[in-house]
């Protein structure tokens, strides 16, 4: 369903004429050609895809000074034509900021001599009817199916979300939400670690807005990766649906754990899991895992999952200051902790078995990467090892 991109690269600036640069004239010409394509469409979803792709090309994270949409609106407002009015209506309904939407609406309303696009009214008829979620029992991530109706056209937006700060992965539009939902249910029934169910729209909005914020933050840090972000071409289309949903539920405040509570978790694990009491590194590794859950996993020290352990070990690889004995002992601690904490947090035995299988692969990869880096990485160097390892 995705429209063919026209490769909207502005030409090199050459000279100014009538206060508008050659670059802006070429940009307007290119985008108006897309608007001409939109005028030929009768399906408002296809129009949205064209508009969302345009706006995705122009989006820049956290830098209003580089906003090219407002100048584009102003340029289109000075060039009355059916294509200009079509462009302005698309921006009115899909633009990411209220200023852009209001400015485009005012400019489009001023073109009284131009016919309205055939889909202009349909763009206003958007509702979100529900959200289904297929999540893993570990809390690592989920796939959300946002069911929507646009002028009688039932469709869905599918978003893969990582809950451990990974943001939004694959995002796509489907015009067969019923078939997709049936597949999600069938997959959950056949799986020992997946659960499918409907979630309230305020909860869905919170999950999606938080995931988009992570992608936005990553885009601001790594602008070269923006073109590879699957959210980029559908950002405006997804945002339009979020705007018509009920307000997001308040963010959940992570529980704070005191030093005494953390120590108690370590003691409970050593008592119940039969860990060694005379191995300083074993105990320090357990405390590190507890601290990681409290401080880096949103106050969830007992949550266990392949994704969480993968991030934990990645953080260890990227942090200087860990002694070699700690790095050797940590992979031995994780399976025991996963089994104990998984049972304590209510995971079924089959889910724990699956977790341990995947953890074996995560640990093996960690050891391989550690061996590759060992030649040029001084683990004894002064660094930012966790406080638990620098207590003495």
Foldseek 3Di string as FASTA:
>chain_A
DADDDPPQDFDDWDDDDPNDTSRLVSNLVRLLVLLVVLLPDDDVVRNLLSLLQSQLVQDDFPCPVSRPLVVSLVVLLVPDDQSSLSNLLSQLLQPDDPVSNVSSVVSSVVNVVYDHRPCSVQSVQKAWDFKKWKDFQLQQWIKIWTWMAGNNQTWTKIWTQGQLLPAIAAIDIGSCVVVVVVVSVVVQVPDQTIDMDTDAQLQVLVRNVSRVVSVSVVCNVPVVCSVVGNCSSCVRVVSSHSVNTPHHDDDDQFDADDPVRLVVVLVVLCVPLVDDPPDVLLSLLSSVLQVCCCPRVRNGSLRDALNSVLVVLVVVVVWAQADPVNLVCNLVNVLSSLVVSCVVVPRDPVSNVVRSVSSVVSVVVSVVVCVVCVVPGDNNDDTCPPVSVVVD
